[in-house]
PDB file of all heavy atoms in Angstrom:
ATOM      1  N   GLU A   1      18.211 -44.060 -64.337  1.00  0.00           N
ATOM      2  CA  GLU A   1      17.811 -44.307 -63.002  1.00  0.00           C
ATOM      3  C   GLU A   1      18.117 -45.784 -62.495  1.00  0.00           C
ATOM      4  O   GLU A   1      18.339 -46.030 -61.377  1.00  0.00           O
ATOM      5  CB  GLU A   1      16.292 -44.025 -62.703  1.00  0.00           C
ATOM      6  CG  GLU A   1      15.973 -44.043 -61.314  1.00  0.00           C
ATOM      7  CD  GLU A   1      14.535 -43.496 -61.087  1.00  0.00           C
ATOM      8  OE1 GLU A   1      14.423 -42.244 -60.984  1.00  0.00           O
ATOM      9  OE2 GLU A   1      13.634 -44.323 -60.891  1.00  0.00           O
ATOM     10  N   LYS A   2      18.019 -46.639 -63.497  1.00  0.00           N
ATOM     11  CA  LYS A   2      18.312 -48.157 -63.110  1.00  0.00           C
ATOM     12  C   LYS A   2      19.682 -48.374 -62.570  1.00  0.00           C
ATOM     13  O   LYS A   2      19.902 -49.287 -61.754  1.00  0.00           O
ATOM     14  CB  LYS A   2      18.140 -49.000 -64.323  1.00  0.00           C
ATOM     15  CG  LYS A   2      19.061 -48.784 -65.443  1.00  0.00           C
ATOM     16  CD  LYS A   2      18.705 -49.801 -66.633  1.00  0.00           C
ATOM     17  CE  LYS A   2      19.738 -49.548 -67.751  1.00  0.00           C
ATOM     18  NZ  LYS A   2      19.452 -50.476 -68.905  1.00  0.00           N
ATOM     19  N   ILE A   3      20.600 -47.456 -62.900  1.00  0.00           N
ATOM     20  CA  ILE A   3      21.926 -47.558 -62.222  1.00  0.00           C
ATOM     21  C   ILE A   3      21.949 -47.294 -60.769  1.00  0.00           C
ATOM     22  O   ILE A   3      22.645 -47.896 -59.875  1.00  0.00           O
ATOM     23  CB  ILE A   3      23.006 -46.645 -63.040  1.00  0.00           C
ATOM     24  CG1 ILE A   3      23.241 -47.064 -64.365  1.00  0.00           C
ATOM     25  CG2 ILE A   3      24.289 -46.537 -62.272  1.00  0.00           C
ATOM     26  CD1 ILE A   3      24.137 -46.215 -65.090  1.00  0.00           C
ATOM     27  N   LEU A   4      21.121 -46.333 -60.301  1.00  0.00           N
ATOM     28  CA  LEU A   4      20.976 -45.938 -59.004  1.00  0.00           C
ATOM     29  C   LEU A   4      20.258 -47.018 -58.242  1.00  0.00           C
ATOM     30  O   LEU A   4      20.364 -47.155 -57.000  1.00  0.00           O
ATOM     31  CB  LEU A   4      20.127 -44.621 -58.901  1.00  0.00           C
ATOM     32  CG  LEU A   4      20.800 -43.463 -59.607  1.00  0.00           C
ATOM     33  CD1 LEU A   4      19.823 -42.195 -59.412  1.00  0.00           C
ATOM     34  CD2 LEU A   4      22.189 -43.045 -58.892  1.00  0.00           C
ATOM     35  N   ARG A   5      19.337 -47.745 -58.906  1.00  0.00           N
ATOM     36  CA  ARG A   5      18.544 -48.700 -58.230  1.00  0.00           C
ATOM     37  C   ARG A   5      19.235 -50.100 -57.958  1.00  0.00           C
ATOM     38  O   ARG A   5      18.862 -50.794 -57.093  1.00  0.00           O
ATOM     39  CB  ARG A   5      17.353 -48.992 -59.181  1.00  0.00           C
ATOM     40  CG  ARG A   5      16.356 -47.922 -59.090  1.00  0.00           C
ATOM     41  CD  ARG A   5      15.183 -48.213 -60.062  1.00  0.00           C
ATOM     42  NE  ARG A   5      14.192 -47.062 -60.188  1.00  0.00           N
ATOM     43  CZ  ARG A   5      13.136 -47.030 -59.390  1.00  0.00           C
ATOM     44  NH1 ARG A   5      12.924 -48.023 -58.429  1.00  0.00           N
ATOM     45  NH2 ARG A   5      12.232 -46.075 -59.482  1.00  0.00           N
ATOM     46  N   THR A   6      20.363 -50.387 -58.773  1.00  0.00           N
ATOM     47  CA  THR A   6      20.961 -51.773 -58.579  1.00  0.00           C
ATOM     48  C   THR A   6      22.261 -51.560 -57.781  1.00  0.00           C
ATOM     49  O   THR A   6      22.866 -50.613 -57.669  1.00  0.00           O
ATOM     50  CB  THR A   6      21.260 -52.200 -60.088  1.00  0.00           C
ATOM     51  OG1 THR A   6      22.093 -51.256 -60.700  1.00  0.00           O
ATOM     52  CG2 THR A   6      20.079 -52.381 -60.826  1.00  0.00           C
ATOM     53  N   SER A   7      22.509 -52.675 -57.111  1.00  0.00           N
ATOM     54  CA  SER A   7      23.674 -52.787 -56.237  1.00  0.00           C
ATOM     55  C   SER A   7      25.045 -52.674 -57.102  1.00  0.00           C
ATOM     56  O   SER A   7      25.175 -53.207 -58.145  1.00  0.00           O
ATOM     57  CB  SER A   7      23.641 -54.096 -55.495  1.00  0.00           C
ATOM     58  OG  SER A   7      24.770 -54.244 -54.622  1.00  0.00           O
ATOM     59  N   ASN A   8      25.847 -51.655 -56.509  1.00  0.00           N
ATOM     60  CA  ASN A   8      27.189 -51.524 -57.222  1.00  0.00           C
ATOM     61  C   ASN A   8      28.106 -50.963 -56.103  1.00  0.00           C
ATOM     62  O   ASN A   8      27.617 -50.454 -55.023  1.00  0.00           O
ATOM     63  CB  ASN A   8      27.044 -50.525 -58.318  1.00  0.00           C
ATOM     64  CG  ASN A   8      26.527 -49.133 -58.045  1.00  0.00           C
ATOM     65  OD1 ASN A   8      27.201 -48.419 -57.458  1.00  0.00           O
ATOM     66  ND2 ASN A   8      25.276 -48.958 -58.472  1.00  0.00           N
ATOM     67  N   PHE A   9      29.340 -51.022 -56.288  1.00  0.00           N
ATOM     68  CA  PHE A   9      30.396 -50.619 -55.212  1.00  0.00           C
ATOM     69  C   PHE A   9      30.140 -49.183 -54.842  1.00  0.00           C
ATOM     70  O   PHE A   9      30.199 -48.953 -53.633  1.00  0.00           O
ATOM     71  CB  PHE A   9      31.775 -50.781 -55.811  1.00  0.00           C
ATOM     72  CG  PHE A   9      32.837 -50.289 -54.969  1.00  0.00           C
ATOM     73  CD1 PHE A   9      33.232 -51.045 -53.812  1.00  0.00           C
ATOM     74  CD2 PHE A   9      33.421 -49.098 -55.217  1.00  0.00           C
ATOM     75  CE1 PHE A   9      34.232 -50.451 -52.915  1.00  0.00           C
ATOM     76  CE2 PHE A   9      34.409 -48.564 -54.346  1.00  0.00           C
ATOM     77  CZ  PHE A   9      34.737 -49.301 -53.223  1.00  0.00           C
ATOM     78  N   ILE A  10      30.035 -48.373 -55.678  1.00  0.00           N
ATOM     79  CA  ILE A  10      30.022 -46.847 -55.318  1.00  0.00           C
ATOM     80  C   ILE A  10      28.758 -46.594 -54.473  1.00  0.00           C
ATOM     81  O   ILE A  10      28.841 -45.984 -53.341  1.00  0.00           O
ATOM     82  CB  ILE A  10      29.876 -45.952 -56.532  1.00  0.00           C
ATOM     83  CG1 ILE A  10      31.223 -46.118 -57.348  1.00  0.00           C
ATOM     84  CG2 ILE A  10      29.633 -44.502 -56.180  1.00  0.00           C
ATOM     85  CD1 ILE A  10      31.267 -45.278 -58.601  1.00  0.00           C
ATOM     86  N   ARG A  11      27.607 -47.119 -54.850  1.00  0.00           N
ATOM     87  CA  ARG A  11      26.343 -46.944 -54.015  1.00  0.00           C
ATOM     88  C   ARG A  11      26.563 -47.600 -52.654  1.00  0.00           C
ATOM     89  O   ARG A  11      26.241 -46.896 -51.683  1.00  0.00           O
ATOM     90  CB  ARG A  11      25.179 -47.512 -54.764  1.00  0.00           C
ATOM     91  CG  ARG A  11      23.832 -47.098 -54.063  1.00  0.00           C
ATOM     92  CD  ARG A  11      22.647 -47.942 -54.518  1.00  0.00           C
ATOM     93  NE  ARG A  11      22.746 -49.381 -54.040  1.00  0.00           N
ATOM     94  CZ  ARG A  11      21.855 -50.276 -54.148  1.00  0.00           C
ATOM     95  NH1 ARG A  11      20.827 -50.084 -54.951  1.00  0.00           N
ATOM     96  NH2 ARG A  11      21.978 -51.511 -53.530  1.00  0.00           N
ATOM     97  N   ASN A  12      27.034 -48.705 -52.592  1.00  0.00           N
ATOM     98  CA  ASN A  12      27.147 -49.478 -51.313  1.00  0.00           C
ATOM     99  C   ASN A  12      28.087 -48.823 -50.461  1.00  0.00           C
ATOM    100  O   ASN A  12      28.006 -48.722 -49.188  1.00  0.00           O
ATOM    101  CB  ASN A  12      27.566 -50.960 -51.594  1.00  0.00           C
ATOM    102  CG  ASN A  12      26.298 -51.691 -52.263  1.00  0.00           C
ATOM    103  OD1 ASN A  12      25.198 -51.289 -52.235  1.00  0.00           O
ATOM    104  ND2 ASN A  12      26.683 -52.863 -53.035  1.00  0.00           N
ATOM    105  N   PHE A  13      29.254 -48.290 -50.991  1.00  0.00           N
ATOM    106  CA  PHE A  13      30.278 -47.651 -50.199  1.00  0.00           C
ATOM    107  C   PHE A  13      29.693 -46.306 -49.656  1.00  0.00           C
ATOM    108  O   PHE A  13      29.850 -46.060 -48.376  1.00  0.00           O
ATOM    109  CB  PHE A  13      31.492 -47.330 -51.060  1.00  0.00           C
ATOM    110  CG  PHE A  13      32.519 -46.392 -50.411  1.00  0.00           C
ATOM    111  CD1 PHE A  13      33.229 -46.869 -49.381  1.00  0.00           C
ATOM    112  CD2 PHE A  13      32.569 -45.083 -50.693  1.00  0.00           C
ATOM    113  CE1 PHE A  13      34.210 -45.973 -48.729  1.00  0.00           C
ATOM    114  CE2 PHE A  13      33.488 -44.276 -50.127  1.00  0.00           C
ATOM    115  CZ  PHE A  13      34.338 -44.723 -49.164  1.00  0.00           C
ATOM    116  N   LEU A  14      29.109 -45.537 -50.449  1.00  0.00           N
ATOM    117  CA  LEU A  14      28.566 -44.298 -49.962  1.00  0.00           C
ATOM    118  C   LEU A  14      27.591 -44.419 -48.881  1.00  0.00           C
ATOM    119  O   LEU A  14      27.524 -43.696 -47.910  1.00  0.00           O
ATOM    120  CB  LEU A  14      27.999 -43.395 -51.197  1.00  0.00           C
ATOM    121  CG  LEU A  14      28.969 -42.913 -52.188  1.00  0.00           C
ATOM    122  CD1 LEU A  14      28.339 -42.262 -53.327  1.00  0.00           C
ATOM    123  CD2 LEU A  14      29.962 -41.892 -51.492  1.00  0.00           C
ATOM    124  N   LEU A  15      26.550 -45.390 -49.069  1.00  0.00           N
ATOM    125  CA  LEU A  15      25.600 -45.578 -48.042  1.00  0.00           C
ATOM    126  C   LEU A  15      26.070 -46.405 -46.871  1.00  0.00           C
ATOM    127  O   LEU A  15      25.329 -46.460 -45.773  1.00  0.00           O
ATOM    128  CB  LEU A  15      24.385 -46.304 -48.712  1.00  0.00           C
ATOM    129  CG  LEU A  15      23.525 -45.483 -49.818  1.00  0.00           C
ATOM    130  CD1 LEU A  15      22.536 -46.410 -50.368  1.00  0.00           C
ATOM    131  CD2 LEU A  15      22.991 -44.322 -49.147  1.00  0.00           C
ATOM    132  N   GLY A  16      27.195 -47.040 -47.018  1.00  0.00           N
ATOM    133  CA  GLY A  16      27.638 -47.889 -45.860  1.00  0.00           C
ATOM    134  C   GLY A  16      26.900 -49.143 -45.744  1.00  0.00           C
ATOM    135  O   GLY A  16      26.620 -49.596 -44.699  1.00  0.00           O
ATOM    136  N   VAL A  17      26.548 -49.666 -46.971  1.00  0.00           N
ATOM    137  CA  VAL A  17      25.556 -50.864 -46.998  1.00  0.00           C
ATOM    138  C   VAL A  17      26.512 -52.114 -46.608  1.00  0.00           C
ATOM    139  O   VAL A  17      27.430 -52.410 -47.369  1.00  0.00           O
ATOM    140  CB  VAL A  17      24.869 -51.000 -48.315  1.00  0.00           C
ATOM    141  CG1 VAL A  17      23.967 -52.228 -48.236  1.00  0.00           C
ATOM    142  CG2 VAL A  17      24.131 -49.814 -48.642  1.00  0.00           C
ATOM    143  N   LYS A  18      26.083 -52.847 -45.634  1.00  0.00           N
ATOM    144  CA  LYS A  18      26.722 -54.130 -45.363  1.00  0.00           C
ATOM    145  C   LYS A  18      26.413 -55.093 -46.412  1.00  0.00           C
ATOM    146  O   LYS A  18      25.277 -55.143 -46.946  1.00  0.00           O
ATOM    147  CB  LYS A  18      26.496 -54.557 -43.955  1.00  0.00           C
ATOM    148  CG  LYS A  18      26.838 -53.633 -42.928  1.00  0.00           C
ATOM    149  CD  LYS A  18      26.512 -54.036 -41.435  1.00  0.00           C
ATOM    150  CE  LYS A  18      26.862 -52.999 -40.472  1.00  0.00           C
ATOM    151  NZ  LYS A  18      26.470 -53.490 -39.089  1.00  0.00           N
ATOM    152  N   LYS A  19      27.298 -56.118 -46.679  1.00  0.00           N
ATOM    153  CA  LYS A  19      27.073 -57.053 -47.751  1.00  0.00           C
ATOM    154  C   LYS A  19      25.856 -57.838 -47.560  1.00  0.00           C
ATOM    155  O   LYS A  19      25.158 -58.035 -48.586  1.00  0.00           O
ATOM    156  CB  LYS A  19      28.372 -58.066 -47.714  1.00  0.00           C
ATOM    157  CG  LYS A  19      28.323 -58.875 -48.975  1.00  0.00           C
ATOM    158  CD  LYS A  19      29.678 -59.792 -49.001  1.00  0.00           C
ATOM    159  CE  LYS A  19      29.702 -60.661 -50.226  1.00  0.00           C
ATOM    160  NZ  LYS A  19      30.950 -61.366 -50.298  1.00  0.00           N
ATOM    161  N   ASN A  20      25.533 -58.219 -46.379  1.00  0.00           N
ATOM    162  CA  ASN A  20      24.258 -58.969 -46.193  1.00  0.00           C
ATOM    163  C   ASN A  20      22.967 -58.202 -46.224  1.00  0.00           C
ATOM    164  O   ASN A  20      21.905 -58.793 -46.168  1.00  0.00           O
ATOM    165  CB  ASN A  20      24.398 -59.729 -44.723  1.00  0.00           C
ATOM    166  CG  ASN A  20      24.423 -58.768 -43.572  1.00  0.00           C
ATOM    167  OD1 ASN A  20      24.765 -57.577 -43.779  1.00  0.00           O
ATOM    168  ND2 ASN A  20      24.052 -59.237 -42.560  1.00  0.00           N
ATOM    169  N   ASN A  21      23.146 -56.917 -46.399  1.00  0.00           N
ATOM    170  CA  ASN A  21      21.941 -56.031 -46.668  1.00  0.00           C
ATOM    171  C   ASN A  21      21.785 -55.449 -48.015  1.00  0.00           C
ATOM    172  O   ASN A  21      20.785 -54.720 -48.239  1.00  0.00           O
ATOM    173  CB  ASN A  21      21.999 -54.886 -45.576  1.00  0.00           C
ATOM    174  CG  ASN A  21      21.639 -55.343 -44.250  1.00  0.00           C
ATOM    175  OD1 ASN A  21      20.563 -56.052 -43.926  1.00  0.00           O
ATOM    176  ND2 ASN A  21      22.493 -55.028 -43.199  1.00  0.00           N
ATOM    177  N   GLN A  22      22.669 -55.761 -48.925  1.00  0.00           N
ATOM    178  CA  GLN A  22      22.512 -55.204 -50.231  1.00  0.00           C
ATOM    179  C   GLN A  22      21.321 -55.614 -50.987  1.00  0.00           C
ATOM    180  O   GLN A  22      20.645 -54.817 -51.674  1.00  0.00           O
ATOM    181  CB  GLN A  22      23.844 -55.544 -51.119  1.00  0.00           C
ATOM    182  CG  GLN A  22      25.121 -54.934 -50.569  1.00  0.00           C
ATOM    183  CD  GLN A  22      26.344 -55.405 -51.256  1.00  0.00           C
ATOM    184  OE1 GLN A  22      26.253 -56.174 -52.244  1.00  0.00           O
ATOM    185  NE2 GLN A  22      27.495 -55.083 -50.745  1.00  0.00           N
ATOM    186  N   GLU A  23      20.948 -56.930 -50.825  1.00  0.00           N
ATOM    187  CA  GLU A  23      19.697 -57.360 -51.533  1.00  0.00           C
ATOM    188  C   GLU A  23      18.436 -56.773 -50.954  1.00  0.00           C
ATOM    189  O   GLU A  23      17.502 -56.403 -51.687  1.00  0.00           O
ATOM    190  CB  GLU A  23      19.613 -58.900 -51.375  1.00  0.00           C
ATOM    191  CG  GLU A  23      18.335 -59.521 -52.156  1.00  0.00           C
ATOM    192  CD  GLU A  23      18.407 -60.995 -52.061  1.00  0.00           C
ATOM    193  OE1 GLU A  23      19.485 -61.628 -51.610  1.00  0.00           O
ATOM    194  OE2 GLU A  23      17.424 -61.629 -52.336  1.00  0.00           O
ATOM    195  N   LYS A  24      18.460 -56.477 -49.635  1.00  0.00           N
ATOM    196  CA  LYS A  24      17.295 -55.747 -49.014  1.00  0.00           C
ATOM    197  C   LYS A  24      17.131 -54.367 -49.553  1.00  0.00           C
ATOM    198  O   LYS A  24      16.025 -53.975 -49.945  1.00  0.00           O
ATOM    199  CB  LYS A  24      17.481 -55.762 -47.526  1.00  0.00           C
ATOM    200  CG  LYS A  24      16.249 -55.105 -46.710  1.00  0.00           C
ATOM    201  CD  LYS A  24      16.603 -54.907 -45.345  1.00  0.00           C
ATOM    202  CE  LYS A  24      16.766 -56.256 -44.696  1.00  0.00           C
ATOM    203  NZ  LYS A  24      16.863 -56.053 -43.136  1.00  0.00           N
ATOM    204  N   LEU A  25      18.308 -53.591 -49.665  1.00  0.00           N
ATOM    205  CA  LEU A  25      18.233 -52.276 -50.250  1.00  0.00           C
ATOM    206  C   LEU A  25      17.729 -52.386 -51.726  1.00  0.00           C
ATOM    207  O   LEU A  25      16.978 -51.473 -52.060  1.00  0.00           O
ATOM    208  CB  LEU A  25      19.551 -51.597 -50.143  1.00  0.00           C
ATOM    209  CG  LEU A  25      19.623 -50.193 -50.585  1.00  0.00           C
ATOM    210  CD1 LEU A  25      18.727 -49.376 -49.540  1.00  0.00           C
ATOM    211  CD2 LEU A  25      21.023 -49.640 -50.486  1.00  0.00           C
ATOM    212  N   ASP A  26      18.101 -53.302 -52.568  1.00  0.00           N
ATOM    213  CA  ASP A  26      17.637 -53.454 -53.871  1.00  0.00           C
ATOM    214  C   ASP A  26      16.248 -53.599 -53.923  1.00  0.00           C
ATOM    215  O   ASP A  26      15.412 -52.954 -54.772  1.00  0.00           O
ATOM    216  CB  ASP A  26      18.332 -54.696 -54.568  1.00  0.00           C
ATOM    217  CG  ASP A  26      19.779 -54.510 -54.761  1.00  0.00           C
ATOM    218  OD1 ASP A  26      20.192 -53.347 -54.834  1.00  0.00           O
ATOM    219  OD2 ASP A  26      20.433 -55.529 -55.030  1.00  0.00           O
ATOM    220  N   LEU A  27      15.627 -54.419 -52.944  1.00  0.00           N
ATOM    221  CA  LEU A  27      14.142 -54.543 -52.937  1.00  0.00           C
ATOM    222  C   LEU A  27      13.426 -53.262 -52.610  1.00  0.00           C
ATOM    223  O   LEU A  27      12.295 -52.904 -53.175  1.00  0.00           O
ATOM    224  CB  LEU A  27      13.733 -55.586 -51.992  1.00  0.00           C
ATOM    225  CG  LEU A  27      14.184 -57.070 -52.386  1.00  0.00           C
ATOM    226  CD1 LEU A  27      13.865 -58.093 -51.194  1.00  0.00           C
ATOM    227  CD2 LEU A  27      13.517 -57.522 -53.655  1.00  0.00           C
ATOM    228  N   ILE A  28      14.079 -52.486 -51.617  1.00  0.00           N
ATOM    229  CA  ILE A  28      13.465 -51.146 -51.260  1.00  0.00           C
ATOM    230  C   ILE A  28      13.473 -50.227 -52.413  1.00  0.00           C
ATOM    231  O   ILE A  28      12.394 -49.549 -52.786  1.00  0.00           O
ATOM    232  CB  ILE A  28      14.276 -50.525 -50.121  1.00  0.00           C
ATOM    233  CG1 ILE A  28      14.072 -51.395 -48.934  1.00  0.00           C
ATOM    234  CG2 ILE A  28      13.704 -49.078 -49.914  1.00  0.00           C
ATOM    235  CD1 ILE A  28      14.956 -50.937 -47.692  1.00  0.00           C
ATOM    236  N   TYR A  29      14.538 -50.163 -53.061  1.00  0.00           N
ATOM    237  CA  TYR A  29      14.646 -49.254 -54.302  1.00  0.00           C
ATOM    238  C   TYR A  29      13.732 -49.725 -55.413  1.00  0.00           C
ATOM    239  O   TYR A  29      13.233 -48.845 -56.231  1.00  0.00           O
ATOM    240  CB  TYR A  29      16.096 -49.264 -54.865  1.00  0.00           C
ATOM    241  CG  TYR A  29      16.985 -48.125 -54.139  1.00  0.00           C
ATOM    242  CD1 TYR A  29      16.698 -47.823 -52.873  1.00  0.00           C
ATOM    243  CD2 TYR A  29      18.148 -47.721 -54.723  1.00  0.00           C
ATOM    244  CE1 TYR A  29      17.472 -46.881 -52.157  1.00  0.00           C
ATOM    245  CE2 TYR A  29      18.896 -46.772 -54.104  1.00  0.00           C
ATOM    246  CZ  TYR A  29      18.629 -46.429 -52.826  1.00  0.00           C
ATOM    247  OH  TYR A  29      19.453 -45.448 -52.224  1.00  0.00           O
ATOM    248  N   LYS A  30      13.356 -50.997 -55.585  1.00  0.00           N
ATOM    249  CA  LYS A  30      12.599 -51.531 -56.619  1.00  0.00           C
ATOM    250  C   LYS A  30      11.174 -50.986 -56.412  1.00  0.00           C
ATOM    251  O   LYS A  30      10.418 -50.840 -57.473  1.00  0.00           O
ATOM    252  CB  LYS A  30      12.651 -53.038 -56.596  1.00  0.00           C
ATOM    253  CG  LYS A  30      11.830 -53.706 -57.656  1.00  0.00           C
ATOM    254  CD  LYS A  30      11.884 -55.254 -57.551  1.00  0.00           C
ATOM    255  CE  LYS A  30      11.074 -55.941 -58.721  1.00  0.00           C
ATOM    256  NZ  LYS A  30      11.126 -57.311 -58.578  1.00  0.00           N
ATOM    257  N   ASP A  31      10.733 -50.728 -55.110  1.00  0.00           N
ATOM    258  CA  ASP A  31       9.387 -50.219 -54.948  1.00  0.00           C
ATOM    259  C   ASP A  31       9.174 -48.745 -55.017  1.00  0.00           C
ATOM    260  O   ASP A  31       8.086 -48.249 -54.991  1.00  0.00           O
ATOM    261  CB  ASP A  31       8.972 -50.706 -53.486  1.00  0.00           C
ATOM    262  CG  ASP A  31       8.818 -52.152 -53.398  1.00  0.00           C
ATOM    263  OD1 ASP A  31       8.609 -52.771 -54.408  1.00  0.00           O
ATOM    264  OD2 ASP A  31       8.959 -52.681 -52.285  1.00  0.00           O
ATOM    265  N   ILE A  32      10.293 -47.973 -55.327  1.00  0.00           N
ATOM    266  CA  ILE A  32      10.239 -46.562 -55.478  1.00  0.00           C
ATOM    267  C   ILE A  32       9.677 -46.241 -56.851  1.00  0.00           C
ATOM    268  O   ILE A  32      10.097 -46.849 -57.924  1.00  0.00           O
ATOM    269  CB  ILE A  32      11.642 -45.925 -55.338  1.00  0.00           C
ATOM    270  CG1 ILE A  32      12.222 -46.121 -53.975  1.00  0.00           C
ATOM    271  CG2 ILE A  32      11.558 -44.417 -55.639  1.00  0.00           C
ATOM    272  CD1 ILE A  32      13.540 -45.723 -53.773  1.00  0.00           C
ATOM    273  N   PRO A  33       8.604 -45.369 -56.973  1.00  0.00           N
ATOM    274  CA  PRO A  33       8.015 -45.053 -58.285  1.00  0.00           C
ATOM    275  C   PRO A  33       9.078 -44.558 -59.242  1.00  0.00           C
ATOM    276  O   PRO A  33      10.066 -43.878 -58.965  1.00  0.00           O
ATOM    277  CB  PRO A  33       6.984 -43.978 -57.912  1.00  0.00           C
ATOM    278  CG  PRO A  33       6.761 -44.282 -56.472  1.00  0.00           C
ATOM    279  CD  PRO A  33       8.028 -44.690 -55.894  1.00  0.00           C
ATOM    280  N   ASP A  34       8.936 -44.921 -60.492  1.00  0.00           N
ATOM    281  CA  ASP A  34       9.747 -44.511 -61.628  1.00  0.00           C
ATOM    282  C   ASP A  34       9.927 -42.994 -61.629  1.00  0.00           C
ATOM    283  O   ASP A  34       8.968 -42.279 -61.500  1.00  0.00           O
ATOM    284  CB  ASP A  34       9.259 -44.924 -62.887  1.00  0.00           C
ATOM    285  CG  ASP A  34       9.394 -46.544 -63.151  1.00  0.00           C
ATOM    286  OD1 ASP A  34      10.151 -47.151 -62.325  1.00  0.00           O
ATOM    287  OD2 ASP A  34       8.721 -47.051 -64.113  1.00  0.00           O
ATOM    288  N   GLY A  35      11.187 -42.438 -61.661  1.00  0.00           N
ATOM    289  CA  GLY A  35      11.414 -41.101 -61.799  1.00  0.00           C
ATOM    290  C   GLY A  35      11.644 -40.476 -60.442  1.00  0.00           C
ATOM    291  O   GLY A  35      12.296 -39.366 -60.348  1.00  0.00           O
ATOM    292  N   PHE A  36      11.103 -41.010 -59.344  1.00  0.00           N
ATOM    293  CA  PHE A  36      11.227 -40.366 -58.038  1.00  0.00           C
ATOM    294  C   PHE A  36      12.621 -40.357 -57.523  1.00  0.00           C
ATOM    295  O   PHE A  36      13.041 -39.322 -56.951  1.00  0.00           O
ATOM    296  CB  PHE A  36      10.267 -41.042 -57.026  1.00  0.00           C
ATOM    297  CG  PHE A  36      10.137 -40.229 -55.710  1.00  0.00           C
ATOM    298  CD1 PHE A  36       9.263 -39.228 -55.544  1.00  0.00           C
ATOM    299  CD2 PHE A  36      11.010 -40.571 -54.649  1.00  0.00           C
ATOM    300  CE1 PHE A  36       9.102 -38.506 -54.407  1.00  0.00           C
ATOM    301  CE2 PHE A  36      10.815 -39.897 -53.434  1.00  0.00           C
ATOM    302  CZ  PHE A  36       9.904 -38.889 -53.324  1.00  0.00           C
ATOM    303  N   LEU A  37      13.324 -41.392 -57.628  1.00  0.00           N
ATOM    304  CA  LEU A  37      14.727 -41.505 -57.120  1.00  0.00           C
ATOM    305  C   LEU A  37      15.605 -40.326 -57.700  1.00  0.00           C
ATOM    306  O   LEU A  37      16.260 -39.703 -57.053  1.00  0.00           O
ATOM    307  CB  LEU A  37      15.266 -42.902 -57.369  1.00  0.00           C
ATOM    308  CG  LEU A  37      16.631 -43.048 -56.807  1.00  0.00           C
ATOM    309  CD1 LEU A  37      16.640 -42.824 -55.307  1.00  0.00           C
ATOM    310  CD2 LEU A  37      17.135 -44.555 -57.085  1.00  0.00           C
ATOM    311  N   SER A  38      15.510 -40.242 -59.108  1.00  0.00           N
ATOM    312  CA  SER A  38      16.369 -39.278 -59.774  1.00  0.00           C
ATOM    313  C   SER A  38      15.996 -37.870 -59.360  1.00  0.00           C
ATOM    314  O   SER A  38      16.826 -36.945 -59.134  1.00  0.00           O
ATOM    315  CB  SER A  38      16.362 -39.463 -61.286  1.00  0.00           C
ATOM    316  OG  SER A  38      16.877 -40.671 -61.592  1.00  0.00           O
ATOM    317  N   TRP A  39      14.699 -37.592 -59.352  1.00  0.00           N
ATOM    318  CA  TRP A  39      14.116 -36.310 -58.934  1.00  0.00           C
ATOM    319  C   TRP A  39      14.610 -35.940 -57.613  1.00  0.00           C
ATOM    320  O   TRP A  39      15.059 -34.812 -57.273  1.00  0.00           O
ATOM    321  CB  TRP A  39      12.622 -36.333 -59.069  1.00  0.00           C
ATOM    322  CG  TRP A  39      12.068 -35.079 -58.488  1.00  0.00           C
ATOM    323  CD1 TRP A  39      11.916 -33.874 -59.123  1.00  0.00           C
ATOM    324  CD2 TRP A  39      11.544 -34.847 -57.088  1.00  0.00           C
ATOM    325  NE1 TRP A  39      11.352 -32.921 -58.221  1.00  0.00           N
ATOM    326  CE2 TRP A  39      11.083 -33.528 -56.991  1.00  0.00           C
ATOM    327  CE3 TRP A  39      11.405 -35.661 -55.988  1.00  0.00           C
ATOM    328  CZ2 TRP A  39      10.558 -32.982 -55.825  1.00  0.00           C
ATOM    329  CZ3 TRP A  39      10.939 -35.156 -54.836  1.00  0.00           C
ATOM    330  CH2 TRP A  39      10.459 -33.829 -54.741  1.00  0.00           C
ATOM    331  N   ALA A  40      14.436 -36.872 -56.566  1.00  0.00           N
ATOM    332  CA  ALA A  40      14.731 -36.539 -55.105  1.00  0.00           C
ATOM    333  C   ALA A  40      16.264 -36.264 -55.043  1.00  0.00           C
ATOM    334  O   ALA A  40      16.574 -35.316 -54.374  1.00  0.00           O
ATOM    335  CB  ALA A  40      14.274 -37.728 -54.293  1.00  0.00           C
ATOM    336  N   LEU A  41      17.065 -37.109 -55.604  1.00  0.00           N
ATOM    337  CA  LEU A  41      18.493 -36.903 -55.425  1.00  0.00           C
ATOM    338  C   LEU A  41      18.902 -35.629 -56.149  1.00  0.00           C
ATOM    339  O   LEU A  41      19.804 -34.860 -55.548  1.00  0.00           O
ATOM    340  CB  LEU A  41      19.224 -38.119 -55.925  1.00  0.00           C
ATOM    341  CG  LEU A  41      19.019 -39.377 -55.268  1.00  0.00           C
ATOM    342  CD1 LEU A  41      19.720 -40.558 -55.901  1.00  0.00           C
ATOM    343  CD2 LEU A  41      19.563 -39.296 -53.845  1.00  0.00           C
ATOM    344  N   ASP A  42      18.448 -35.316 -57.347  1.00  0.00           N
ATOM    345  CA  ASP A  42      18.780 -34.039 -58.037  1.00  0.00           C
ATOM    346  C   ASP A  42      18.500 -32.905 -57.150  1.00  0.00           C
ATOM    347  O   ASP A  42      19.296 -31.886 -57.112  1.00  0.00           O
ATOM    348  CB  ASP A  42      18.075 -34.024 -59.384  1.00  0.00           C
ATOM    349  CG  ASP A  42      18.487 -32.904 -60.162  1.00  0.00           C
ATOM    350  OD1 ASP A  42      19.780 -32.699 -60.488  1.00  0.00           O
ATOM    351  OD2 ASP A  42      17.621 -32.168 -60.552  1.00  0.00           O
ATOM    352  N   ASN A  43      17.268 -32.903 -56.555  1.00  0.00           N
ATOM    353  CA  ASN A  43      16.826 -31.730 -55.867  1.00  0.00           C
ATOM    354  C   ASN A  43      17.610 -31.618 -54.444  1.00  0.00           C
ATOM    355  O   ASN A  43      17.773 -30.484 -53.961  1.00  0.00           O
ATOM    356  CB  ASN A  43      15.317 -31.834 -55.566  1.00  0.00           C
ATOM    357  CG  ASN A  43      14.544 -31.255 -56.694  1.00  0.00           C
ATOM    358  OD1 ASN A  43      14.204 -30.018 -56.768  1.00  0.00           O
ATOM    359  ND2 ASN A  43      14.129 -32.049 -57.702  1.00  0.00           N
TER     360      ASN A  43
END
């Protein structure tokens, strides 16, 4: 799950994340409870 939580080219491209907002998205993902991100995306 940590790969999904950290900034990388694939994630930023798919989401359309602008360069100046990548750090903000990292902080949002950091606050997501462990396991929830993988569960939600898989479902």
